């Protein structure tokens, strides 16, 4: 691949990440425990910081336009769902879907 193509690809990838609000940080879940979202391998990993499932990774997202897409795992039953996340101020709206029709949403608060 030419340097020009690599530069254009790198610019495009960085732009995708820049379009979404920063998702990184500590978040209080609807159930009460805290989750941390941090960069991991070109994505953002969601790991429980407090509660019964401390240390467990429950999600992985990548920047997508003005939001994020990826997967979320229910820590109680280890089922993984297609997910999306959108950030508005100090609120993070997470939606997980099974078969793209059975969806559930939660709103987390930035700590």
PDB file of N, CA and C in Angstrom:
ATOM      1  N   UNK A   1       0.847  -1.169   0.000  1.00  0.00           N
ATOM      2  CA  UNK A   1       0.000   0.000   0.000  1.00  0.00           C
ATOM      3  C   UNK A   1       0.896   1.237   0.000  1.00  0.00           C
ATOM      4  N   UNK A   2       0.533   2.228  -0.754  1.00  0.00           N
ATOM      5  CA  UNK A   2       1.360   3.432  -0.813  1.00  0.00           C
ATOM      6  C   UNK A   2       1.237   4.238   0.481  1.00  0.00           C
ATOM      7  N   UNK A   3       2.222   5.092   0.706  1.00  0.00           N
ATOM      8  CA  UNK A   3       2.190   5.948   1.899  1.00  0.00           C
ATOM      9  C   UNK A   3       0.975   6.853   1.882  1.00  0.00           C
ATOM     10  N   UNK A   4       0.609   7.323   0.707  1.00  0.00           N
ATOM     11  CA  UNK A   4      -0.532   8.221   0.593  1.00  0.00           C
ATOM     12  C   UNK A   4      -1.818   7.499   1.002  1.00  0.00           C
ATOM     13  N   UNK A   5      -1.975   6.250   0.566  1.00  0.00           N
ATOM     14  CA  UNK A   5      -3.162   5.473   0.922  1.00  0.00           C
ATOM     15  C   UNK A   5      -3.179   5.183   2.416  1.00  0.00           C
ATOM     16  N   UNK A   6      -2.019   4.841   2.986  1.00  0.00           N
ATOM     17  CA  UNK A   6      -1.941   4.577   4.419  1.00  0.00           C
ATOM     18  C   UNK A   6      -2.278   5.823   5.218  1.00  0.00           C
ATOM     19  N   UNK A   7      -1.785   6.966   4.775  1.00  0.00           N
ATOM     20  CA  UNK A   7      -2.076   8.224   5.452  1.00  0.00           C
ATOM     21  C   UNK A   7      -3.566   8.539   5.399  1.00  0.00           C
ATOM     22  N   UNK A   8      -4.182   8.322   4.237  1.00  0.00           N
ATOM     23  CA  UNK A   8      -5.617   8.576   4.084  1.00  0.00           C
ATOM     24  C   UNK A   8      -6.425   7.631   4.971  1.00  0.00           C
ATOM     25  N   UNK A   9      -6.021   6.352   5.027  1.00  0.00           N
ATOM     26  CA  UNK A   9      -6.717   5.380   5.865  1.00  0.00           C
ATOM     27  C   UNK A   9      -6.582   5.747   7.338  1.00  0.00           C
ATOM     28  N   UNK A  10      -5.389   6.126   7.772  1.00  0.00           N
ATOM     29  CA  UNK A  10      -5.183   6.526   9.167  1.00  0.00           C
ATOM     30  C   UNK A  10      -6.024   7.750   9.501  1.00  0.00           C
ATOM     31  N   UNK A  11      -6.083   8.701   8.590  1.00  0.00           N
ATOM     32  CA  UNK A  11      -6.884   9.906   8.806  1.00  0.00           C
ATOM     33  C   UNK A  11      -8.359   9.559   8.935  1.00  0.00           C
ATOM     34  N   UNK A  12      -8.841   8.664   8.084  1.00  0.00           N
ATOM     35  CA  UNK A  12     -10.239   8.241   8.125  1.00  0.00           C
ATOM     36  C   UNK A  12     -10.550   7.552   9.447  1.00  0.00           C
ATOM     37  N   UNK A  13      -9.672   6.680   9.906  1.00  0.00           N
ATOM     38  CA  UNK A  13      -9.890   5.977  11.166  1.00  0.00           C
ATOM     39  C   UNK A  13      -9.903   6.949  12.337  1.00  0.00           C
ATOM     40  N   UNK A  14      -9.010   7.918  12.333  1.00  0.00           N
ATOM     41  CA  UNK A  14      -8.976   8.889  13.424  1.00  0.00           C
ATOM     42  C   UNK A  14     -10.206   9.776  13.393  1.00  0.00           C
ATOM     43  N   UNK A  15     -10.694  10.119  12.206  1.00  0.00           N
ATOM     44  CA  UNK A  15     -11.890  10.940  12.087  1.00  0.00           C
ATOM     45  C   UNK A  15     -13.088  10.208  12.658  1.00  0.00           C
ATOM     46  N   UNK A  16     -13.226   8.913  12.392  1.00  0.00           N
ATOM     47  CA  UNK A  16     -14.334   8.131  12.931  1.00  0.00           C
ATOM     48  C   UNK A  16     -14.348   8.178  14.444  1.00  0.00           C
ATOM     49  N   UNK A  17     -13.188   8.075  15.048  1.00  0.00           N
ATOM     50  CA  UNK A  17     -13.107   8.121  16.502  1.00  0.00           C
ATOM     51  C   UNK A  17     -13.413   9.517  17.026  1.00  0.00           C
ATOM     52  N   UNK A  18     -13.063  10.542  16.240  1.00  0.00           N
ATOM     53  CA  UNK A  18     -13.254  11.908  16.709  1.00  0.00           C
ATOM     54  C   UNK A  18     -14.707  12.353  16.616  1.00  0.00           C
ATOM     55  N   UNK A  19     -15.502  11.713  15.753  1.00  0.00           N
ATOM     56  CA  UNK A  19     -16.879  12.131  15.578  1.00  0.00           C
ATOM     57  C   UNK A  19     -17.741  11.826  16.792  1.00  0.00           C
ATOM     58  N   UNK A  20     -17.417  10.806  17.522  1.00  0.00           N
ATOM     59  CA  UNK A  20     -18.202  10.429  18.699  1.00  0.00           C
ATOM     60  C   UNK A  20     -17.682  11.176  19.924  1.00  0.00           C
ATOM     61  N   UNK A  21     -18.599  11.509  20.851  1.00  0.00           N
ATOM     62  CA  UNK A  21     -18.174  12.112  22.110  1.00  0.00           C
ATOM     63  C   UNK A  21     -17.313  11.106  22.863  1.00  0.00           C
ATOM     64  N   UNK A  22     -16.428  11.567  23.740  1.00  0.00           N
ATOM     65  CA  UNK A  22     -15.556  10.636  24.468  1.00  0.00           C
ATOM     66  C   UNK A  22     -16.342   9.756  25.441  1.00  0.00           C
ATOM     67  N   UNK A  23     -16.241   8.478  25.263  1.00  0.00           N
ATOM     68  CA  UNK A  23     -16.985   7.506  26.068  1.00  0.00           C
ATOM     69  C   UNK A  23     -16.163   7.046  27.275  1.00  0.00           C
ATOM     70  N   UNK A  24     -14.872   7.344  27.267  1.00  0.00           N
ATOM     71  CA  UNK A  24     -13.981   6.868  28.322  1.00  0.00           C
ATOM     72  C   UNK A  24     -14.345   7.458  29.681  1.00  0.00           C
ATOM     73  N   UNK A  25     -14.174   6.632  30.716  1.00  0.00           N
ATOM     74  CA  UNK A  25     -14.395   7.101  32.074  1.00  0.00           C
ATOM     75  C   UNK A  25     -15.109   6.093  32.933  1.00  0.00           C
ATOM     76  N   UNK A  26     -15.549   6.549  34.097  1.00  0.00           N
ATOM     77  CA  UNK A  26     -16.290   5.715  35.044  1.00  0.00           C
ATOM     78  C   UNK A  26     -17.768   6.051  34.943  1.00  0.00           C
ATOM     79  N   UNK A  27     -18.587   5.013  34.948  1.00  0.00           N
ATOM     80  CA  UNK A  27     -20.030   5.166  34.754  1.00  0.00           C
ATOM     81  C   UNK A  27     -20.795   4.392  35.814  1.00  0.00           C
ATOM     82  N   UNK A  28     -21.824   5.018  36.379  1.00  0.00           N
ATOM     83  CA  UNK A  28     -22.706   4.330  37.316  1.00  0.00           C
ATOM     84  C   UNK A  28     -23.809   3.682  36.492  1.00  0.00           C
ATOM     85  N   UNK A  29     -23.954   2.362  36.634  1.00  0.00           N
ATOM     86  CA  UNK A  29     -24.969   1.632  35.879  1.00  0.00           C
ATOM     87  C   UNK A  29     -26.341   1.839  36.515  1.00  0.00           C
ATOM     88  N   UNK A  30     -27.399   1.486  35.794  1.00  0.00           N
ATOM     89  CA  UNK A  30     -28.752   1.597  36.357  1.00  0.00           C
ATOM     90  C   UNK A  30     -28.912   0.732  37.595  1.00  0.00           C
ATOM     91  N   UNK A  31     -28.212  -0.413  37.637  1.00  0.00           N
ATOM     92  CA  UNK A  31     -28.317  -1.320  38.773  1.00  0.00           C
ATOM     93  C   UNK A  31     -27.507  -0.849  39.985  1.00  0.00           C
ATOM     94  N   UNK A  32     -26.623   0.138  39.783  1.00  0.00           N
ATOM     95  CA  UNK A  32     -25.869   0.682  40.896  1.00  0.00           C
ATOM     96  C   UNK A  32     -24.364   0.517  40.835  1.00  0.00           C
ATOM     97  N   UNK A  33     -23.828  -0.649  40.422  1.00  0.00           N
ATOM     98  CA  UNK A  33     -22.372  -0.794  40.350  1.00  0.00           C
ATOM     99  C   UNK A  33     -21.756   0.178  39.335  1.00  0.00           C
ATOM    100  N   UNK A  34     -20.444   0.308  39.405  1.00  0.00           N
ATOM    101  CA  UNK A  34     -19.704   1.188  38.511  1.00  0.00           C
ATOM    102  C   UNK A  34     -18.990   0.372  37.445  1.00  0.00           C
ATOM    103  N   UNK A  35     -18.999   0.896  36.207  1.00  0.00           N
ATOM    104  CA  UNK A  35     -18.268   0.284  35.094  1.00  0.00           C
ATOM    105  C   UNK A  35     -17.250   1.300  34.588  1.00  0.00           C
ATOM    106  N   UNK A  36     -16.116   0.809  34.131  1.00  0.00           N
ATOM    107  CA  UNK A  36     -15.083   1.662  33.549  1.00  0.00           C
ATOM    108  C   UNK A  36     -15.019   1.384  32.051  1.00  0.00           C
ATOM    109  N   UNK A  37     -14.921   2.451  31.271  1.00  0.00           N
ATOM    110  CA  UNK A  37     -14.756   2.316  29.827  1.00  0.00           C
ATOM    111  C   UNK A  37     -13.405   2.928  29.478  1.00  0.00           C
ATOM    112  N   UNK A  38     -12.559   2.107  28.835  1.00  0.00           N
ATOM    113  CA  UNK A  38     -11.197   2.535  28.512  1.00  0.00           C
ATOM    114  C   UNK A  38     -10.781   1.957  27.163  1.00  0.00           C
ATOM    115  N   UNK A  39      -9.813   2.609  26.490  1.00  0.00           N
ATOM    116  CA  UNK A  39      -9.326   2.082  25.216  1.00  0.00           C
ATOM    117  C   UNK A  39      -8.716   0.694  25.390  1.00  0.00           C
ATOM    118  N   UNK A  40      -8.940  -0.156  24.385  1.00  0.00           N
ATOM    119  CA  UNK A  40      -8.320  -1.486  24.374  1.00  0.00           C
ATOM    120  C   UNK A  40      -8.256  -1.981  22.927  1.00  0.00           C
ATOM    121  N   UNK A  41      -7.080  -2.124  22.406  1.00  0.00           N
ATOM    122  CA  UNK A  41      -6.889  -2.671  21.077  1.00  0.00           C
ATOM    123  C   UNK A  41      -7.664  -1.978  19.970  1.00  0.00           C
ATOM    124  N   UNK A  42      -7.731  -0.678  19.956  1.00  0.00           N
ATOM    125  CA  UNK A  42      -8.443   0.050  18.915  1.00  0.00           C
ATOM    126  C   UNK A  42      -9.934   0.194  19.170  1.00  0.00           C
ATOM    127  N   UNK A  43     -10.411  -0.325  20.270  1.00  0.00           N
ATOM    128  CA  UNK A  43     -11.818  -0.230  20.652  1.00  0.00           C
ATOM    129  C   UNK A  43     -11.897   0.364  22.053  1.00  0.00           C
ATOM    130  N   UNK A  44     -13.085   0.308  22.642  1.00  0.00           N
ATOM    131  CA  UNK A  44     -13.295   0.720  24.019  1.00  0.00           C
ATOM    132  C   UNK A  44     -13.920  -0.452  24.768  1.00  0.00           C
ATOM    133  N   UNK A  45     -13.257  -0.923  25.815  1.00  0.00           N
ATOM    134  CA  UNK A  45     -13.758  -2.048  26.601  1.00  0.00           C
ATOM    135  C   UNK A  45     -14.498  -1.545  27.831  1.00  0.00           C
ATOM    136  N   UNK A  46     -15.565  -2.245  28.177  1.00  0.00           N
ATOM    137  CA  UNK A  46     -16.381  -1.932  29.338  1.00  0.00           C
ATOM    138  C   UNK A  46     -16.113  -3.016  30.374  1.00  0.00           C
ATOM    139  N   UNK A  47     -15.589  -2.616  31.536  1.00  0.00           N
ATOM    140  CA  UNK A  47     -15.230  -3.567  32.593  1.00  0.00           C
ATOM    141  C   UNK A  47     -15.884  -3.114  33.890  1.00  0.00           C
ATOM    142  N   UNK A  48     -16.483  -4.054  34.605  1.00  0.00           N
ATOM    143  CA  UNK A  48     -17.112  -3.743  35.892  1.00  0.00           C
ATOM    144  C   UNK A  48     -16.035  -3.397  36.924  1.00  0.00           C
ATOM    145  N   UNK A  49     -16.225  -2.263  37.624  1.00  0.00           N
ATOM    146  CA  UNK A  49     -15.272  -1.821  38.653  1.00  0.00           C
ATOM    147  C   UNK A  49     -15.731  -2.181  40.053  1.00  0.00           C
ATOM    148  N   UNK A  50     -17.051  -2.260  40.259  1.00  0.00           N
ATOM    149  CA  UNK A  50     -17.585  -2.570  41.585  1.00  0.00           C
ATOM    150  C   UNK A  50     -18.709  -3.584  41.432  1.00  0.00           C
ATOM    151  N   UNK A  51     -19.162  -4.108  42.571  1.00  0.00           N
ATOM    152  CA  UNK A  51     -20.293  -5.030  42.561  1.00  0.00           C
ATOM    153  C   UNK A  51     -19.885  -6.485  42.424  1.00  0.00           C
ATOM    154  N   UNK A  52     -20.865  -7.318  42.222  1.00  0.00           N
ATOM    155  CA  UNK A  52     -20.693  -8.772  42.165  1.00  0.00           C
ATOM    156  C   UNK A  52     -19.776  -9.231  41.029  1.00  0.00           C
ATOM    157  N   UNK A  53     -19.735  -8.467  39.930  1.00  0.00           N
ATOM    158  CA  UNK A  53     -18.988  -8.892  38.744  1.00  0.00           C
ATOM    159  C   UNK A  53     -17.721  -8.059  38.515  1.00  0.00           C
ATOM    160  N   UNK A  54     -17.139  -7.522  39.599  1.00  0.00           N
ATOM    161  CA  UNK A  54     -15.949  -6.688  39.503  1.00  0.00           C
ATOM    162  C   UNK A  54     -14.863  -7.393  38.673  1.00  0.00           C
ATOM    163  N   UNK A  55     -14.267  -6.644  37.743  1.00  0.00           N
ATOM    164  CA  UNK A  55     -13.204  -7.179  36.894  1.00  0.00           C
ATOM    165  C   UNK A  55     -13.683  -7.839  35.613  1.00  0.00           C
ATOM    166  N   UNK A  56     -14.966  -8.061  35.482  1.00  0.00           N
ATOM    167  CA  UNK A  56     -15.500  -8.753  34.313  1.00  0.00           C
ATOM    168  C   UNK A  56     -15.725  -7.771  33.156  1.00  0.00           C
ATOM    169  N   UNK A  57     -15.210  -8.130  31.968  1.00  0.00           N
ATOM    170  CA  UNK A  57     -15.467  -7.311  30.786  1.00  0.00           C
ATOM    171  C   UNK A  57     -16.875  -7.615  30.292  1.00  0.00           C
ATOM    172  N   UNK A  58     -17.683  -6.561  30.155  1.00  0.00           N
ATOM    173  CA  UNK A  58     -19.077  -6.756  29.741  1.00  0.00           C
ATOM    174  C   UNK A  58     -19.412  -6.075  28.424  1.00  0.00           C
ATOM    175  N   UNK A  59     -18.427  -5.498  27.769  1.00  0.00           N
ATOM    176  CA  UNK A  59     -18.721  -4.848  26.497  1.00  0.00           C
ATOM    177  C   UNK A  59     -17.481  -4.413  25.765  1.00  0.00           C
ATOM    178  N   UNK A  60     -17.683  -4.167  24.457  1.00  0.00           N
ATOM    179  CA  UNK A  60     -16.603  -3.671  23.607  1.00  0.00           C
ATOM    180  C   UNK A  60     -17.243  -2.861  22.483  1.00  0.00           C
ATOM    181  N   UNK A  61     -16.820  -1.605  22.331  1.00  0.00           N
ATOM    182  CA  UNK A  61     -17.412  -0.700  21.353  1.00  0.00           C
ATOM    183  C   UNK A  61     -16.341  -0.033  20.514  1.00  0.00           C
ATOM    184  N   UNK A  62     -16.726   0.365  19.304  1.00  0.00           N
ATOM    185  CA  UNK A  62     -15.888   1.191  18.447  1.00  0.00           C
ATOM    186  C   UNK A  62     -16.687   2.428  18.069  1.00  0.00           C
ATOM    187  N   UNK A  63     -15.973   3.522  17.804  1.00  0.00           N
ATOM    188  CA  UNK A  63     -16.638   4.759  17.391  1.00  0.00           C
ATOM    189  C   UNK A  63     -17.300   4.533  16.039  1.00  0.00           C
ATOM    190  N   UNK A  64     -18.510   5.068  15.905  1.00  0.00           N
ATOM    191  CA  UNK A  64     -19.275   4.904  14.674  1.00  0.00           C
ATOM    192  C   UNK A  64     -20.112   6.157  14.448  1.00  0.00           C
ATOM    193  N   UNK A  65     -19.616   7.055  13.597  1.00  0.00           N
ATOM    194  CA  UNK A  65     -20.336   8.303  13.366  1.00  0.00           C
ATOM    195  C   UNK A  65     -20.374   9.133  14.625  1.00  0.00           C
ATOM    196  N   UNK A  66     -21.585   9.431  15.120  1.00  0.00           N
ATOM    197  CA  UNK A  66     -21.702  10.233  16.337  1.00  0.00           C
ATOM    198  C   UNK A  66     -22.022   9.374  17.554  1.00  0.00           C
ATOM    199  N   UNK A  67     -21.791   8.067  17.462  1.00  0.00           N
ATOM    200  CA  UNK A  67     -22.042   7.161  18.574  1.00  0.00           C
ATOM    201  C   UNK A  67     -21.031   6.022  18.568  1.00  0.00           C
ATOM    202  N   UNK A  68     -21.445   4.903  19.109  1.00  0.00           N
ATOM    203  CA  UNK A  68     -20.587   3.728  19.217  1.00  0.00           C
ATOM    204  C   UNK A  68     -21.398   2.476  18.895  1.00  0.00           C
ATOM    205  N   UNK A  69     -20.742   1.475  18.325  1.00  0.00           N
ATOM    206  CA  UNK A  69     -21.379   0.189  18.082  1.00  0.00           C
ATOM    207  C   UNK A  69     -20.467  -0.915  18.588  1.00  0.00           C
ATOM    208  N   UNK A  70     -21.074  -2.044  18.940  1.00  0.00           N
ATOM    209  CA  UNK A  70     -20.276  -3.159  19.429  1.00  0.00           C
ATOM    210  C   UNK A  70     -21.145  -4.216  20.057  1.00  0.00           C
ATOM    211  N   UNK A  71     -20.669  -4.758  21.166  1.00  0.00           N
ATOM    212  CA  UNK A  71     -21.401  -5.821  21.856  1.00  0.00           C
ATOM    213  C   UNK A  71     -21.443  -5.531  23.352  1.00  0.00           C
ATOM    214  N   UNK A  72     -22.496  -6.041  23.983  1.00  0.00           N
ATOM    215  CA  UNK A  72     -22.651  -5.982  25.443  1.00  0.00           C
ATOM    216  C   UNK A  72     -22.968  -7.385  25.924  1.00  0.00           C
ATOM    217  N   UNK A  73     -22.416  -7.761  27.068  1.00  0.00           N
ATOM    218  CA  UNK A  73     -22.674  -9.063  27.660  1.00  0.00           C
ATOM    219  C   UNK A  73     -23.368  -8.872  28.996  1.00  0.00           C
ATOM    220  N   UNK A  74     -24.467  -9.585  29.198  1.00  0.00           N
ATOM    221  CA  UNK A  74     -25.171  -9.556  30.484  1.00  0.00           C
ATOM    222  C   UNK A  74     -24.322 -10.363  31.460  1.00  0.00           C
ATOM    223  N   UNK A  75     -23.770  -9.739  32.496  1.00  0.00           N
ATOM    224  CA  UNK A  75     -22.882 -10.477  33.401  1.00  0.00           C
ATOM    225  C   UNK A  75     -23.593 -11.576  34.187  1.00  0.00           C
ATOM    226  N   UNK A  76     -24.916 -11.492  34.317  1.00  0.00           N
ATOM    227  CA  UNK A  76     -25.648 -12.508  35.079  1.00  0.00           C
ATOM    228  C   UNK A  76     -25.754 -13.832  34.334  1.00  0.00           C
ATOM    229  N   UNK A  77     -25.905 -13.787  32.994  1.00  0.00           N
ATOM    230  CA  UNK A  77     -26.092 -15.039  32.254  1.00  0.00           C
ATOM    231  C   UNK A  77     -25.074 -15.234  31.130  1.00  0.00           C
ATOM    232  N   UNK A  78     -24.137 -14.300  30.984  1.00  0.00           N
ATOM    233  CA  UNK A  78     -23.081 -14.344  29.963  1.00  0.00           C
ATOM    234  C   UNK A  78     -23.608 -14.351  28.527  1.00  0.00           C
ATOM    235  N   UNK A  79     -24.818 -13.883  28.296  1.00  0.00           N
ATOM    236  CA  UNK A  79     -25.336 -13.764  26.935  1.00  0.00           C
ATOM    237  C   UNK A  79     -24.859 -12.438  26.351  1.00  0.00           C
ATOM    238  N   UNK A  80     -24.402 -12.493  25.097  1.00  0.00           N
ATOM    239  CA  UNK A  80     -23.864 -11.317  24.435  1.00  0.00           C
ATOM    240  C   UNK A  80     -24.849 -10.818  23.387  1.00  0.00           C
ATOM    241  N   UNK A  81     -25.005  -9.497  23.329  1.00  0.00           N
ATOM    242  CA  UNK A  81     -25.965  -8.855  22.440  1.00  0.00           C
ATOM    243  C   UNK A  81     -25.274  -7.813  21.570  1.00  0.00           C
ATOM    244  N   UNK A  82     -25.812  -7.593  20.376  1.00  0.00           N
ATOM    245  CA  UNK A  82     -25.355  -6.512  19.529  1.00  0.00           C
ATOM    246  C   UNK A  82     -25.726  -5.218  20.219  1.00  0.00           C
ATOM    247  N   UNK A  83     -24.810  -4.273  20.261  1.00  0.00           N
ATOM    248  CA  UNK A  83     -25.091  -3.070  21.024  1.00  0.00           C
ATOM    249  C   UNK A  83     -24.736  -1.785  20.332  1.00  0.00           C
ATOM    250  N   UNK A  84     -25.285  -0.723  20.898  1.00  0.00           N
ATOM    251  CA  UNK A  84     -24.930   0.633  20.482  1.00  0.00           C
ATOM    252  C   UNK A  84     -24.936   1.509  21.720  1.00  0.00           C
ATOM    253  N   UNK A  85     -24.218   2.603  21.624  1.00  0.00           N
ATOM    254  CA  UNK A  85     -24.156   3.541  22.739  1.00  0.00           C
ATOM    255  C   UNK A  85     -24.112   4.953  22.180  1.00  0.00           C
ATOM    256  N   UNK A  86     -24.787   5.849  22.882  1.00  0.00           N
ATOM    257  CA  UNK A  86     -24.737   7.258  22.498  1.00  0.00           C
ATOM    258  C   UNK A  86     -24.590   8.086  23.764  1.00  0.00           C
ATOM    259  N   UNK A  87     -23.804   9.120  23.651  1.00  0.00           N
ATOM    260  CA  UNK A  87     -23.468   9.947  24.789  1.00  0.00           C
ATOM    261  C   UNK A  87     -24.095  11.318  24.628  1.00  0.00           C
ATOM    262  N   UNK A  88     -24.757  11.764  25.692  1.00  0.00           N
ATOM    263  CA  UNK A  88     -25.331  13.105  25.710  1.00  0.00           C
ATOM    264  C   UNK A  88     -25.027  13.702  27.073  1.00  0.00           C
ATOM    265  N   UNK A  89     -24.089  14.643  27.088  1.00  0.00           N
ATOM    266  CA  UNK A  89     -23.674  15.230  28.353  1.00  0.00           C
ATOM    267  C   UNK A  89     -23.045  14.181  29.254  1.00  0.00           C
ATOM    268  N   UNK A  90     -23.617  13.999  30.432  1.00  0.00           N
ATOM    269  CA  UNK A  90     -23.077  13.014  31.374  1.00  0.00           C
ATOM    270  C   UNK A  90     -23.926  11.747  31.414  1.00  0.00           C
ATOM    271  N   UNK A  91     -24.734  11.532  30.365  1.00  0.00           N
ATOM    272  CA  UNK A  91     -25.563  10.324  30.271  1.00  0.00           C
ATOM    273  C   UNK A  91     -25.137   9.472  29.085  1.00  0.00           C
ATOM    274  N   UNK A  92     -25.002   8.185  29.330  1.00  0.00           N
ATOM    275  CA  UNK A  92     -24.645   7.229  28.288  1.00  0.00           C
ATOM    276  C   UNK A  92     -25.819   6.280  28.086  1.00  0.00           C
ATOM    277  N   UNK A  93     -26.410   6.304  26.915  1.00  0.00           N
ATOM    278  CA  UNK A  93     -27.557   5.447  26.589  1.00  0.00           C
ATOM    279  C   UNK A  93     -27.032   4.214  25.861  1.00  0.00           C
ATOM    280  N   UNK A  94     -27.218   3.043  26.470  1.00  0.00           N
ATOM    281  CA  UNK A  94     -26.768   1.770  25.911  1.00  0.00           C
ATOM    282  C   UNK A  94     -27.975   0.963  25.480  1.00  0.00           C
ATOM    283  N   UNK A  95     -27.899   0.384  24.296  1.00  0.00           N
ATOM    284  CA  UNK A  95     -28.968  -0.483  23.803  1.00  0.00           C
ATOM    285  C   UNK A  95     -28.348  -1.787  23.333  1.00  0.00           C
ATOM    286  N   UNK A  96     -28.919  -2.898  23.786  1.00  0.00           N
ATOM    287  CA  UNK A  96     -28.476  -4.217  23.356  1.00  0.00           C
ATOM    288  C   UNK A  96     -29.639  -4.955  22.731  1.00  0.00           C
ATOM    289  N   UNK A  97     -29.370  -5.644  21.623  1.00  0.00           N
ATOM    290  CA  UNK A  97     -30.443  -6.334  20.896  1.00  0.00           C
ATOM    291  C   UNK A  97     -30.078  -7.781  20.586  1.00  0.00           C
ATOM    292  N   UNK A  98     -31.080  -8.632  20.663  1.00  0.00           N
ATOM    293  CA  UNK A  98     -30.967 -10.017  20.225  1.00  0.00           C
ATOM    294  C   UNK A  98     -31.798 -10.127  18.954  1.00  0.00           C
ATOM    295  N   UNK A  99     -31.216 -10.650  17.904  1.00  0.00           N
ATOM    296  CA  UNK A  99     -31.900 -10.805  16.616  1.00  0.00           C
ATOM    297  C   UNK A  99     -32.376  -9.479  16.041  1.00  0.00           C
ATOM    298  N   UNK A 100     -31.796  -8.381  16.462  1.00  0.00           N
ATOM    299  CA  UNK A 100     -32.102  -7.027  15.986  1.00  0.00           C
ATOM    300  C   UNK A 100     -33.546  -6.593  16.219  1.00  0.00           C
ATOM    301  N   UNK A 101     -34.343  -7.388  16.946  1.00  0.00           N
ATOM    302  CA  UNK A 101     -35.737  -7.003  17.194  1.00  0.00           C
ATOM    303  C   UNK A 101     -36.076  -6.959  18.684  1.00  0.00           C
ATOM    304  N   UNK A 102     -35.392  -7.744  19.470  1.00  0.00           N
ATOM    305  CA  UNK A 102     -35.631  -7.768  20.913  1.00  0.00           C
ATOM    306  C   UNK A 102     -34.548  -6.930  21.580  1.00  0.00           C
ATOM    307  N   UNK A 103     -34.886  -5.685  21.885  1.00  0.00           N
ATOM    308  CA  UNK A 103     -33.896  -4.739  22.392  1.00  0.00           C
ATOM    309  C   UNK A 103     -34.248  -4.250  23.797  1.00  0.00           C
ATOM    310  N   UNK A 104     -33.196  -3.908  24.541  1.00  0.00           N
ATOM    311  CA  UNK A 104     -33.354  -3.356  25.872  1.00  0.00           C
ATOM    312  C   UNK A 104     -32.335  -2.230  26.021  1.00  0.00           C
ATOM    313  N   UNK A 105     -32.744  -1.151  26.659  1.00  0.00           N
ATOM    314  CA  UNK A 105     -31.854  -0.007  26.834  1.00  0.00           C
ATOM    315  C   UNK A 105     -31.662   0.329  28.306  1.00  0.00           C
ATOM    316  N   UNK A 106     -30.521   0.940  28.583  1.00  0.00           N
ATOM    317  CA  UNK A 106     -30.203   1.453  29.915  1.00  0.00           C
ATOM    318  C   UNK A 106     -29.526   2.803  29.753  1.00  0.00           C
ATOM    319  N   UNK A 107     -29.630   3.632  30.767  1.00  0.00           N
ATOM    320  CA  UNK A 107     -28.911   4.894  30.789  1.00  0.00           C
ATOM    321  C   UNK A 107     -27.985   4.893  31.995  1.00  0.00           C
ATOM    322  N   UNK A 108     -26.701   5.114  31.726  1.00  0.00           N
ATOM    323  CA  UNK A 108     -25.702   5.182  32.773  1.00  0.00           C
ATOM    324  C   UNK A 108     -25.309   6.635  32.981  1.00  0.00           C
ATOM    325  N   UNK A 109     -24.809   6.953  34.175  1.00  0.00           N
ATOM    326  CA  UNK A 109     -24.405   8.325  34.512  1.00  0.00           C
ATOM    327  C   UNK A 109     -22.901   8.391  34.717  1.00  0.00           C
ATOM    328  N   UNK A 110     -22.293   9.438  34.153  1.00  0.00           N
ATOM    329  CA  UNK A 110     -20.847   9.624  34.328  1.00  0.00           C
ATOM    330  C   UNK A 110     -20.562   9.981  35.785  1.00  0.00           C
ATOM    331  N   UNK A 111     -19.488   9.402  36.304  1.00  0.00           N
ATOM    332  CA  UNK A 111     -19.092   9.672  37.695  1.00  0.00           C
ATOM    333  C   UNK A 111     -17.974  10.684  37.738  1.00  0.00           C
TER     334      UNK A 111
END
